[in-house]
C-alpha atoms as a PDB file:
ATOM      1  CA  MET A   1      81.822  44.876 -48.606  1.00  0.00           C
ATOM      2  CA  ASN A   2      85.465  42.795 -49.367  1.00  0.00           C
ATOM      3  CA  ASN A   3      86.065  39.419 -47.873  1.00  0.00           C
ATOM      4  CA  PHE A   4      88.964  39.705 -45.730  1.00  0.00           C
ATOM      5  CA  GLU A   5      91.058  36.929 -44.899  1.00  0.00           C
ATOM      6  CA  LEU A   6      91.837  36.613 -41.329  1.00  0.00           C
ATOM      7  CA  ARG A   7      95.121  35.192 -41.611  1.00  0.00           C
ATOM      8  CA  ARG A   8      96.759  37.798 -42.977  1.00  0.00           C
ATOM      9  CA  PHE A   9      95.576  40.056 -40.590  1.00  0.00           C
ATOM     10  CA  ARG A  10      97.420  37.757 -38.291  1.00  0.00           C
ATOM     11  CA  TYR A  11     100.396  38.285 -40.492  1.00  0.00           C
ATOM     12  CA  PHE A  12     100.310  41.783 -40.733  1.00  0.00           C
ATOM     13  CA  LEU A  13     100.402  41.830 -37.194  1.00  0.00           C
ATOM     14  CA  ALA A  14     102.982  39.725 -37.111  1.00  0.00           C
ATOM     15  CA  VAL A  15     105.549  41.926 -39.361  1.00  0.00           C
ATOM     16  CA  ALA A  16     103.975  45.134 -37.821  1.00  0.00           C
ATOM     17  CA  GLU A  17     105.493  43.934 -34.526  1.00  0.00           C
ATOM     18  CA  GLU A  18     108.703  42.730 -35.697  1.00  0.00           C
ATOM     19  CA  LEU A  19     109.100  45.430 -38.511  1.00  0.00           C
ATOM     20  CA  HIS A  20     111.422  42.201 -39.996  1.00  0.00           C
ATOM     21  CA  PHE A  21     109.955  40.289 -42.303  1.00  0.00           C
ATOM     22  CA  ALA A  22     112.534  37.391 -41.792  1.00  0.00           C
ATOM     23  CA  ARG A  23     111.691  37.355 -37.710  1.00  0.00           C
ATOM     24  CA  ALA A  24     108.087  37.588 -38.797  1.00  0.00           C
ATOM     25  CA  ALA A  25     108.175  34.340 -40.404  1.00  0.00           C
ATOM     26  CA  GLU A  26     110.149  32.362 -38.164  1.00  0.00           C
ATOM     27  CA  ARG A  27     107.898  33.917 -35.485  1.00  0.00           C
ATOM     28  CA  LEU A  28     104.925  32.777 -37.742  1.00  0.00           C
ATOM     29  CA  HIS A  29     106.615  29.042 -38.344  1.00  0.00           C
ATOM     30  CA  MET A  30     106.870  30.148 -42.199  1.00  0.00           C
ATOM     31  CA  ALA A  31     108.910  30.500 -44.871  1.00  0.00           C
ATOM     32  CA  GLN A  32     109.716  34.630 -45.593  1.00  0.00           C
ATOM     33  CA  PRO A  33     108.725  34.599 -49.418  1.00  0.00           C
ATOM     34  CA  PRO A  34     104.912  33.411 -48.848  1.00  0.00           C
ATOM     35  CA  LEU A  35     104.634  35.817 -46.154  1.00  0.00           C
ATOM     36  CA  SER A  36     105.753  38.677 -48.652  1.00  0.00           C
ATOM     37  CA  VAL A  37     103.076  36.919 -50.925  1.00  0.00           C
ATOM     38  CA  GLN A  38     100.555  36.944 -48.483  1.00  0.00           C
ATOM     39  CA  ILE A  39     101.372  40.863 -47.226  1.00  0.00           C
ATOM     40  CA  ARG A  40     101.018  42.188 -51.090  1.00  0.00           C
ATOM     41  CA  LYS A  41      97.964  40.205 -51.250  1.00  0.00           C
ATOM     42  CA  LEU A  42      96.744  41.670 -47.828  1.00  0.00           C
ATOM     43  CA  GLU A  43      97.301  45.623 -49.681  1.00  0.00           C
ATOM     44  CA  GLU A  44      95.363  44.283 -52.286  1.00  0.00           C
ATOM     45  CA  GLU A  45      92.442  43.618 -50.433  1.00  0.00           C
ATOM     46  CA  VAL A  46      92.781  46.591 -48.132  1.00  0.00           C
ATOM     47  CA  GLY A  47      93.391  49.332 -51.220  1.00  0.00           C
ATOM     48  CA  PHE A  48      96.569  50.714 -49.690  1.00  0.00           C
ATOM     49  CA  ARG A  49     100.363  50.178 -48.630  1.00  0.00           C
ATOM     50  CA  VAL A  50     101.050  49.184 -44.976  1.00  0.00           C
ATOM     51  CA  PHE A  51     104.376  48.609 -45.153  1.00  0.00           C
ATOM     52  CA  GLU A  52     107.320  51.201 -46.461  1.00  0.00           C
ATOM     53  CA  ARG A  53     109.946  49.036 -47.707  1.00  0.00           C
ATOM     54  CA  THR A  54     114.112  49.208 -48.459  1.00  0.00           C
ATOM     55  CA  SER A  55     116.610  47.069 -49.090  1.00  0.00           C
ATOM     56  CA  ARG A  56     117.464  47.555 -44.907  1.00  0.00           C
ATOM     57  CA  ASN A  57     114.518  48.718 -43.101  1.00  0.00           C
ATOM     58  CA  VAL A  58     110.462  48.243 -43.018  1.00  0.00           C
ATOM     59  CA  ALA A  59     107.903  50.719 -41.846  1.00  0.00           C
ATOM     60  CA  LEU A  60     104.938  50.993 -41.130  1.00  0.00           C
ATOM     61  CA  THR A  61     102.524  53.471 -43.935  1.00  0.00           C
ATOM     62  CA  GLU A  62     100.536  55.969 -42.064  1.00  0.00           C
ATOM     63  CA  ALA A  63      97.403  54.142 -42.941  1.00  0.00           C
ATOM     64  CA  GLY A  64      99.147  50.903 -41.947  1.00  0.00           C
ATOM     65  CA  ARG A  65      99.180  52.533 -38.476  1.00  0.00           C
ATOM     66  CA  VAL A  66      95.522  53.057 -38.268  1.00  0.00           C
ATOM     67  CA  LEU A  67      95.278  49.459 -39.392  1.00  0.00           C
ATOM     68  CA  LEU A  68      97.209  48.077 -37.261  1.00  0.00           C
ATOM     69  CA  ALA A  69      95.506  49.766 -34.120  1.00  0.00           C
ATOM     70  CA  GLY A  70      92.343  48.259 -35.308  1.00  0.00           C
ATOM     71  CA  THR A  71      93.416  45.232 -35.680  1.00  0.00           C
ATOM     72  CA  ARG A  72      94.818  44.450 -32.161  1.00  0.00           C
ATOM     73  CA  ASN A  73      91.385  45.774 -31.073  1.00  0.00           C
ATOM     74  CA  ALA A  74      89.555  43.305 -33.452  1.00  0.00           C
ATOM     75  CA  MET A  75      92.131  40.619 -32.266  1.00  0.00           C
ATOM     76  CA  ASP A  76      91.475  41.422 -28.752  1.00  0.00           C
ATOM     77  CA  GLU A  77      87.603  41.313 -29.731  1.00  0.00           C
ATOM     78  CA  LEU A  78      87.838  37.955 -31.040  1.00  0.00           C
ATOM     79  CA  GLN A  79      89.613  36.123 -28.192  1.00  0.00           C
ATOM     80  CA  ARG A  80      86.973  37.422 -26.086  1.00  0.00           C
ATOM     81  CA  ALA A  81      84.408  36.103 -28.226  1.00  0.00           C
ATOM     82  CA  VAL A  82      86.162  32.640 -28.433  1.00  0.00           C
ATOM     83  CA  TYR A  83      86.735  32.682 -24.349  1.00  0.00           C
ATOM     84  CA  SER A  84      83.008  33.494 -23.881  1.00  0.00           C
ATOM     85  CA  GLY A  85      81.745  31.060 -26.268  1.00  0.00           C
ATOM     86  CA  GLN A  86      84.057  28.374 -24.382  1.00  0.00           C
ATOM     87  CA  GLN A  87      82.679  29.838 -21.275  1.00  0.00           C
ATOM     88  CA  THR A  88      79.183  29.562 -22.217  1.00  0.00           C
ATOM     89  CA  GLU A  89      80.083  25.639 -23.501  1.00  0.00           C
ATOM     90  CA  ARG A  90      80.904  25.065 -20.359  1.00  0.00           C
ATOM     91  CA  GLY A  91      77.947  26.835 -18.698  1.00  0.00           C
ATOM     92  CA  HIS A  92      80.739  28.881 -16.743  1.00  0.00           C
ATOM     93  CA  LEU A  93      79.065  31.932 -18.617  1.00  0.00           C
ATOM     94  CA  GLY A  94      75.517  33.317 -18.848  1.00  0.00           C
ATOM     95  CA  HIS A  95      72.232  34.222 -16.828  1.00  0.00           C
ATOM     96  CA  VAL A  96      70.058  32.554 -14.547  1.00  0.00           C
ATOM     97  CA  ARG A  97      67.156  33.404 -13.388  1.00  0.00           C
ATOM     98  CA  ILE A  98      66.051  31.914  -9.525  1.00  0.00           C
ATOM     99  CA  GLY A  99      62.670  32.146  -8.232  1.00  0.00           C
ATOM    100  CA  PHE A 100      62.638  31.388  -4.587  1.00  0.00           C
ATOM    101  CA  VAL A 101      59.737  30.864  -1.395  1.00  0.00           C
ATOM    102  CA  SER A 102      60.492  33.294   1.026  1.00  0.00           C
ATOM    103  CA  SER A 103      61.950  30.494   3.905  1.00  0.00           C
ATOM    104  CA  GLY A 104      64.250  29.480   0.834  1.00  0.00           C
ATOM    105  CA  GLY A 105      65.240  33.148   0.904  1.00  0.00           C
ATOM    106  CA  VAL A 106      66.783  33.250   4.459  1.00  0.00           C
ATOM    107  CA  THR A 107      68.169  29.989   4.539  1.00  0.00           C
ATOM    108  CA  PHE A 108      69.235  28.106   1.514  1.00  0.00           C
ATOM    109  CA  LEU A 109      69.357  31.043  -1.358  1.00  0.00           C
ATOM    110  CA  PRO A 110      72.328  33.098  -0.039  1.00  0.00           C
ATOM    111  CA  LYS A 111      74.456  30.309   0.630  1.00  0.00           C
ATOM    112  CA  LEU A 112      73.686  28.812  -3.474  1.00  0.00           C
ATOM    113  CA  LEU A 113      74.578  32.487  -4.327  1.00  0.00           C
ATOM    114  CA  ARG A 114      77.797  32.735  -2.133  1.00  0.00           C
ATOM    115  CA  GLN A 115      78.834  29.303  -3.807  1.00  0.00           C
ATOM    116  CA  LEU A 116      77.843  30.520  -6.834  1.00  0.00           C
ATOM    117  CA  SER A 117      80.172  33.563  -7.068  1.00  0.00           C
ATOM    118  CA  ARG A 118      82.986  31.414  -6.147  1.00  0.00           C
ATOM    119  CA  SER A 119      82.680  28.540  -8.602  1.00  0.00           C
ATOM    120  CA  LEU A 120      80.921  30.336 -11.468  1.00  0.00           C
ATOM    121  CA  PRO A 121      81.980  34.219 -11.120  1.00  0.00           C
ATOM    122  CA  GLU A 122      81.023  35.083 -14.453  1.00  0.00           C
ATOM    123  CA  VAL A 123      77.265  33.793 -14.533  1.00  0.00           C
ATOM    124  CA  GLN A 124      74.568  36.901 -13.360  1.00  0.00           C
ATOM    125  CA  THR A 125      71.693  35.842 -11.366  1.00  0.00           C
ATOM    126  CA  GLN A 126      68.565  37.601 -11.031  1.00  0.00           C
ATOM    127  CA  THR A 127      66.527  36.400  -8.097  1.00  0.00           C
ATOM    128  CA  ARG A 128      62.816  36.737  -7.242  1.00  0.00           C
ATOM    129  CA  GLN A 129      60.792  35.811  -4.661  1.00  0.00           C
ATOM    130  CA  PHE A 130      57.409  33.785  -5.220  1.00  0.00           C
ATOM    131  CA  SER A 131      54.856  31.531  -3.593  1.00  0.00           C
ATOM    132  CA  SER A 132      55.858  27.471  -3.753  1.00  0.00           C
ATOM    133  CA  ASN A 133      52.985  27.365  -6.762  1.00  0.00           C
ATOM    134  CA  GLY A 134      53.972  31.329  -8.238  1.00  0.00           C
ATOM    135  CA  ALA A 135      57.211  29.547  -8.035  1.00  0.00           C
ATOM    136  CA  LEU A 136      56.439  26.444 -10.168  1.00  0.00           C
ATOM    137  CA  GLU A 137      54.466  28.456 -12.512  1.00  0.00           C
ATOM    138  CA  ALA A 138      57.085  30.985 -13.797  1.00  0.00           C
ATOM    139  CA  LEU A 139      59.147  27.440 -14.669  1.00  0.00           C
ATOM    140  CA  ALA A 140      56.755  26.466 -16.368  1.00  0.00           C
ATOM    141  CA  GLN A 141      56.164  29.143 -18.600  1.00  0.00           C
ATOM    142  CA  ARG A 142      59.850  30.132 -18.504  1.00  0.00           C
ATOM    143  CA  ASN A 143      60.116  33.580 -16.408  1.00  0.00           C
ATOM    144  CA  ILE A 144      62.921  31.939 -14.494  1.00  0.00           C
ATOM    145  CA  ASP A 145      65.530  29.228 -15.304  1.00  0.00           C
ATOM    146  CA  LEU A 146      65.511  27.752 -11.464  1.00  0.00           C
ATOM    147  CA  ALA A 147      63.014  27.214  -8.250  1.00  0.00           C
ATOM    148  CA  VAL A 148      63.681  26.729  -4.798  1.00  0.00           C
ATOM    149  CA  VAL A 149      60.723  25.604  -3.657  1.00  0.00           C
ATOM    150  CA  ARG A 150      59.324  23.261  -0.992  1.00  0.00           C
ATOM    151  CA  THR A 151      58.907  19.641  -1.424  1.00  0.00           C
ATOM    152  CA  PRO A 152      56.597  17.722  -2.468  1.00  0.00           C
ATOM    153  CA  PHE A 153      55.331  19.794  -5.832  1.00  0.00           C
ATOM    154  CA  VAL A 154      53.266  18.545  -8.982  1.00  0.00           C
ATOM    155  CA  GLY A 155      55.251  18.682 -12.429  1.00  0.00           C
ATOM    156  CA  ASP A 156      55.456  15.975 -14.235  1.00  0.00           C
ATOM    157  CA  LYS A 157      57.843  17.998 -16.455  1.00  0.00           C
ATOM    158  CA  LEU A 158      60.376  18.893 -14.203  1.00  0.00           C
ATOM    159  CA  GLN A 159      63.419  17.823 -12.363  1.00  0.00           C
ATOM    160  CA  HIS A 160      64.754  18.657  -8.392  1.00  0.00           C
ATOM    161  CA  ARG A 161      67.273  17.900  -6.117  1.00  0.00           C
ATOM    162  CA  THR A 162      66.440  17.615  -2.413  1.00  0.00           C
ATOM    163  CA  ILE A 163      68.932  20.422  -0.966  1.00  0.00           C
ATOM    164  CA  LEU A 164      67.604  20.789   2.832  1.00  0.00           C
ATOM    165  CA  ARG A 165      65.630  18.609   5.281  1.00  0.00           C
ATOM    166  CA  ASP A 166      64.765  20.771   7.934  1.00  0.00           C
ATOM    167  CA  ARG A 167      63.335  19.713  11.762  1.00  0.00           C
ATOM    168  CA  VAL A 168      60.008  20.976  12.951  1.00  0.00           C
ATOM    169  CA  VAL A 169      60.475  23.568  15.436  1.00  0.00           C
ATOM    170  CA  ILE A 170      57.599  25.870  17.375  1.00  0.00           C
ATOM    171  CA  VAL A 171      57.910  29.649  17.287  1.00  0.00           C
ATOM    172  CA  LEU A 172      56.043  31.589  20.205  1.00  0.00           C
ATOM    173  CA  PRO A 173      55.679  34.828  21.463  1.00  0.00           C
ATOM    174  CA  ASP A 174      57.942  35.775  24.093  1.00  0.00           C
ATOM    175  CA  ASP A 175      55.914  36.272  26.573  1.00  0.00           C
ATOM    176  CA  HIS A 176      53.753  32.874  26.061  1.00  0.00           C
ATOM    177  CA  PRO A 177      54.120  31.191  29.217  1.00  0.00           C
ATOM    178  CA  MET A 178      55.473  27.814  27.703  1.00  0.00           C
ATOM    179  CA  CYS A 179      58.438  29.882  26.982  1.00  0.00           C
ATOM    180  CA  ARG A 180      59.825  28.948  30.356  1.00  0.00           C
ATOM    181  CA  ARG A 181      60.288  25.268  29.202  1.00  0.00           C
ATOM    182  CA  LYS A 182      63.398  24.146  26.755  1.00  0.00           C
ATOM    183  CA  ARG A 183      61.513  21.868  25.278  1.00  0.00           C
ATOM    184  CA  ILE A 184      57.764  21.387  24.407  1.00  0.00           C
ATOM    185  CA  ARG A 185      55.793  18.537  23.242  1.00  0.00           C
ATOM    186  CA  LEU A 186      53.730  19.807  20.460  1.00  0.00           C
ATOM    187  CA  HIS A 187      50.187  17.826  21.891  1.00  0.00           C
ATOM    188  CA  GLU A 188      50.512  20.323  24.916  1.00  0.00           C
ATOM    189  CA  MET A 189      49.654  23.008  21.907  1.00  0.00           C
ATOM    190  CA  GLN A 190      46.130  21.973  20.824  1.00  0.00           C
ATOM    191  CA  HIS A 191      44.349  24.625  22.261  1.00  0.00           C
ATOM    192  CA  GLU A 192      46.413  27.145  20.513  1.00  0.00           C
ATOM    193  CA  LYS A 193      45.641  28.718  17.772  1.00  0.00           C
ATOM    194  CA  PHE A 194      48.483  29.144  14.900  1.00  0.00           C
ATOM    195  CA  VAL A 195      49.853  31.368  12.159  1.00  0.00           C
ATOM    196  CA  LEU A 196      49.949  28.917   8.920  1.00  0.00           C
ATOM    197  CA  TYR A 197      51.445  28.435   5.474  1.00  0.00           C
ATOM    198  CA  PRO A 198      48.180  28.722   3.364  1.00  0.00           C
ATOM    199  CA  PRO A 199      47.166  25.604   2.006  1.00  0.00           C
ATOM    200  CA  ASN A 200      46.659  26.860  -1.694  1.00  0.00           C
ATOM    201  CA  GLU A 201      49.654  28.567  -2.286  1.00  0.00           C
ATOM    202  CA  GLY A 202      52.280  26.862   0.214  1.00  0.00           C
ATOM    203  CA  TYR A 203      50.720  23.367   0.367  1.00  0.00           C
ATOM    204  CA  ALA A 204      53.698  21.260   1.100  1.00  0.00           C
ATOM    205  CA  ALA A 205      54.830  22.970   4.410  1.00  0.00           C
ATOM    206  CA  TYR A 206      50.939  23.200   5.029  1.00  0.00           C
ATOM    207  CA  SER A 207      50.962  19.553   4.754  1.00  0.00           C
ATOM    208  CA  VAL A 208      54.098  18.997   7.017  1.00  0.00           C
ATOM    209  CA  VAL A 209      52.219  20.943   9.743  1.00  0.00           C
ATOM    210  CA  GLN A 210      48.990  19.330   9.524  1.00  0.00           C
ATOM    211  CA  ARG A 211      50.543  16.042   9.426  1.00  0.00           C
ATOM    212  CA  ALA A 212      52.802  16.467  12.480  1.00  0.00           C
ATOM    213  CA  CYS A 213      49.829  17.656  14.475  1.00  0.00           C
ATOM    214  CA  LEU A 214      47.218  15.449  13.932  1.00  0.00           C
ATOM    215  CA  ALA A 215      50.669  13.143  14.530  1.00  0.00           C
ATOM    216  CA  ALA A 216      50.079  14.852  17.857  1.00  0.00           C
ATOM    217  CA  GLY A 217      46.711  13.575  18.549  1.00  0.00           C
ATOM    218  CA  PHE A 218      44.940  17.155  17.417  1.00  0.00           C
ATOM    219  CA  ALA A 219      43.985  19.366  13.829  1.00  0.00           C
ATOM    220  CA  PRO A 220      45.479  22.965  14.497  1.00  0.00           C
ATOM    221  CA  LEU A 221      43.329  26.071  15.219  1.00  0.00           C
ATOM    222  CA  VAL A 222      43.766  28.292  12.678  1.00  0.00           C
ATOM    223  CA  ALA A 223      44.448  31.672  13.421  1.00  0.00           C
ATOM    224  CA  GLU A 224      45.706  33.406   9.952  1.00  0.00           C
ATOM    225  CA  PHE A 225      47.501  31.897   6.809  1.00  0.00           C
ATOM    226  CA  VAL A 226      50.706  33.550   5.379  1.00  0.00           C
ATOM    227  CA  ASP A 227      53.200  32.791   2.887  1.00  0.00           C
ATOM    228  CA  ASP A 228      56.136  34.439   3.853  1.00  0.00           C
ATOM    229  CA  VAL A 229      58.514  34.109   6.656  1.00  0.00           C
ATOM    230  CA  TYR A 230      58.702  37.608   8.212  1.00  0.00           C
ATOM    231  CA  GLY A 231      55.300  37.924   7.968  1.00  0.00           C
ATOM    232  CA  MET A 232      54.391  34.682  10.208  1.00  0.00           C
ATOM    233  CA  LEU A 233      56.770  35.541  12.849  1.00  0.00           C
ATOM    234  CA  GLY A 234      55.534  39.497  13.109  1.00  0.00           C
ATOM    235  CA  LEU A 235      51.730  37.807  14.068  1.00  0.00           C
ATOM    236  CA  VAL A 236      53.547  35.488  16.119  1.00  0.00           C
ATOM    237  CA  SER A 237      55.417  38.239  17.786  1.00  0.00           C
ATOM    238  CA  ALA A 238      52.037  40.082  18.011  1.00  0.00           C
ATOM    239  CA  GLY A 239      50.652  37.489  20.106  1.00  0.00           C
ATOM    240  CA  VAL A 240      47.988  36.273  16.966  1.00  0.00           C
ATOM    241  CA  GLY A 241      49.122  32.807  17.134  1.00  0.00           C
ATOM    242  CA  VAL A 242      51.893  30.181  17.388  1.00  0.00           C
ATOM    243  CA  ALA A 243      53.670  28.767  14.011  1.00  0.00           C
ATOM    244  CA  LEU A 244      55.472  25.701  13.246  1.00  0.00           C
ATOM    245  CA  MET A 245      58.106  26.342  10.928  1.00  0.00           C
ATOM    246  CA  PRO A 246      62.199  24.745   9.734  1.00  0.00           C
ATOM    247  CA  GLU A 247      64.606  25.377  12.113  1.00  0.00           C
ATOM    248  CA  ALA A 248      66.670  27.358  10.108  1.00  0.00           C
ATOM    249  CA  ILE A 249      64.525  30.024  10.551  1.00  0.00           C
ATOM    250  CA  SER A 250      65.240  29.894  14.004  1.00  0.00           C
ATOM    251  CA  ARG A 251      68.819  31.559  13.217  1.00  0.00           C
ATOM    252  CA  LEU A 252      67.250  34.797  12.033  1.00  0.00           C
ATOM    253  CA  ASN A 253      67.526  37.522  15.021  1.00  0.00           C
ATOM    254  CA  VAL A 254      63.610  38.201  15.105  1.00  0.00           C
ATOM    255  CA  ASP A 255      62.106  40.632  18.353  1.00  0.00           C
ATOM    256  CA  GLY A 256      59.263  39.172  19.991  1.00  0.00           C
ATOM    257  CA  VAL A 257      59.646  35.664  19.777  1.00  0.00           C
ATOM    258  CA  VAL A 258      61.500  32.632  20.665  1.00  0.00           C
ATOM    259  CA  PHE A 259      61.623  28.883  19.236  1.00  0.00           C
ATOM    260  CA  ARG A 260      61.978  25.795  20.611  1.00  0.00           C
ATOM    261  CA  PRO A 261      63.063  22.110  19.686  1.00  0.00           C
ATOM    262  CA  LEU A 262      60.115  19.471  18.654  1.00  0.00           C
ATOM    263  CA  PRO A 263      62.163  15.793  19.078  1.00  0.00           C
ATOM    264  CA  GLU A 264      59.503  13.751  19.007  1.00  0.00           C
ATOM    265  CA  ILE A 265      58.271  15.459  15.458  1.00  0.00           C
ATOM    266  CA  GLU A 266      59.266  13.157  12.708  1.00  0.00           C
ATOM    267  CA  GLU A 267      57.888  15.316   9.856  1.00  0.00           C
ATOM    268  CA  ARG A 268      60.580  17.774   8.315  1.00  0.00           C
ATOM    269  CA  PHE A 269      60.659  20.260   5.932  1.00  0.00           C
ATOM    270  CA  GLU A 270      62.528  19.679   2.490  1.00  0.00           C
ATOM    271  CA  LEU A 271      63.432  21.946   0.367  1.00  0.00           C
ATOM    272  CA  SER A 272      64.648  21.561  -3.421  1.00  0.00           C
ATOM    273  CA  LEU A 273      66.281  23.023  -6.345  1.00  0.00           C
ATOM    274  CA  VAL A 274      63.721  22.647  -9.422  1.00  0.00           C
ATOM    275  CA  TRP A 275      64.749  23.166 -12.833  1.00  0.00           C
ATOM    276  CA  ARG A 276      62.380  22.495 -16.160  1.00  0.00           C
ATOM    277  CA  ALA A 277      63.519  18.407 -17.434  1.00  0.00           C
ATOM    278  CA  GLU A 278      64.028  19.601 -21.342  1.00  0.00           C
ATOM    279  CA  ASP A 279      66.255  22.366 -20.654  1.00  0.00           C
ATOM    280  CA  LYS A 280      69.589  20.801 -21.286  1.00  0.00           C
ATOM    281  CA  ARG A 281      71.613  24.061 -21.165  1.00  0.00           C
ATOM    282  CA  ARG A 282      75.352  23.536 -19.792  1.00  0.00           C
ATOM    283  CA  LEU A 283      74.729  26.582 -17.671  1.00  0.00           C
ATOM    284  CA  ILE A 284      71.589  24.854 -15.256  1.00  0.00           C
ATOM    285  CA  SER A 285      73.785  22.084 -14.932  1.00  0.00           C
ATOM    286  CA  ALA A 286      76.738  23.976 -13.724  1.00  0.00           C
ATOM    287  CA  VAL A 287      74.279  25.624 -11.128  1.00  0.00           C
ATOM    288  CA  VAL A 288      73.313  22.519  -9.886  1.00  0.00           C
ATOM    289  CA  GLU A 289      76.983  20.913 -10.027  1.00  0.00           C
ATOM    290  CA  ALA A 290      77.972  23.949  -7.574  1.00  0.00           C
ATOM    291  CA  LEU A 291      75.436  22.693  -5.180  1.00  0.00           C
ATOM    292  CA  ALA A 292      76.911  19.501  -4.558  1.00  0.00           C
ATOM    293  CA  GLU A 293      80.038  21.760  -3.799  1.00  0.00           C
ATOM    294  CA  MET A 294      78.530  23.157  -1.224  1.00  0.00           C
ATOM    295  CA  GLY A 295      80.378  21.244   1.664  1.00  0.00           C
ATOM    296  CA  ASP A 296      78.636  23.034   4.533  1.00  0.00           C
ATOM    297  CA  LEU A 297      75.080  21.635   3.965  1.00  0.00           C
ATOM    298  CA  LEU A 298      75.990  18.268   2.699  1.00  0.00           C
ATOM    299  CA  GLY A 299      75.589  16.980   5.778  1.00  0.00           C
ATOM    300  CA  SER A 300      72.743  15.189   7.877  1.00  0.00           C
ATOM    301  CA  ARG A 301      70.219  17.488   6.991  1.00  0.00           C
ATOM    302  CA  THR A 302      70.827  17.396   3.485  1.00  0.00           C
ATOM    303  CA  VAL A 303      69.892  14.552   0.889  1.00  0.00           C
ATOM    304  CA  GLY A 304      70.235  13.893  -2.667  1.00  0.00           C
ATOM    305  CA  ASP A 305      66.957  12.012  -3.439  1.00  0.00           C
ATOM    306  CA  HIS A 306      63.447  12.531  -3.201  1.00  0.00           C
ATOM    307  CA  ARG A 307      61.192  10.709  -0.657  1.00  0.00           C
ATOM    308  CA  GLY A 308      57.480  11.748  -2.456  1.00  0.00           C
ATOM    309  CA  LYS A 309      56.335  12.431   0.336  1.00  0.00           C
END
């Protein structure tokens, strides 16, 4: 197979579009004689004449017209390849796989995906729900690129950015006697059974609930362990127990439950964006940078560091 010189096809394209050697040479910022030499060399390389030349006219041969169509397609494809390479280098093109815990899926993740579609429209995303431990394991095994999980978490080869610190609210079935109260103190719920995040799969959220209850003077009685937002809300609605959950969940329209604030509780549910420390791809840093542009999240509920609770 011949090793064709790309520049000669660029010269050919200029002459084919101008059908005039002098104008094509001016367009290419070169003299006409060298241009004529390059076209002859191109014809030698391809093995056929591309132009019919007379003293007054230049016209494409039939083979030249076929070559022109292919050359235009090739140049367009080359431009697309260069553009794609530039976008990839900037982190503006590619495919990112995001794992998330159920509470993050209904609070932070939708905002992140909308922000990515605005800031990085050519980045494709694939999402999958995990438990906290499952998301971190998938990240370590390179099955996903980013994880939205509760903090704190264990993983010395991971980097993260804390994205939300959410107040604790109590969730009650809508026929619970305490629903008549606008505000409840947690110690008043010490005899209730609680639907809890599981300690093995959702330890960060589980520990927030445990610390809040212990600060209120009791250890929570266990009704069920559930590592899914809608599963927890469903059990509360059924009267199985009450639950402590992030305030953001109260925005969900769920029948059969009511949310009440716990103003004395200092504990917060933290949510972080996590990635592998060794992953230096510009795509990952671009996604993290897009987070900084999320003005609707960057407020009193968001912090930029991890307190290591």
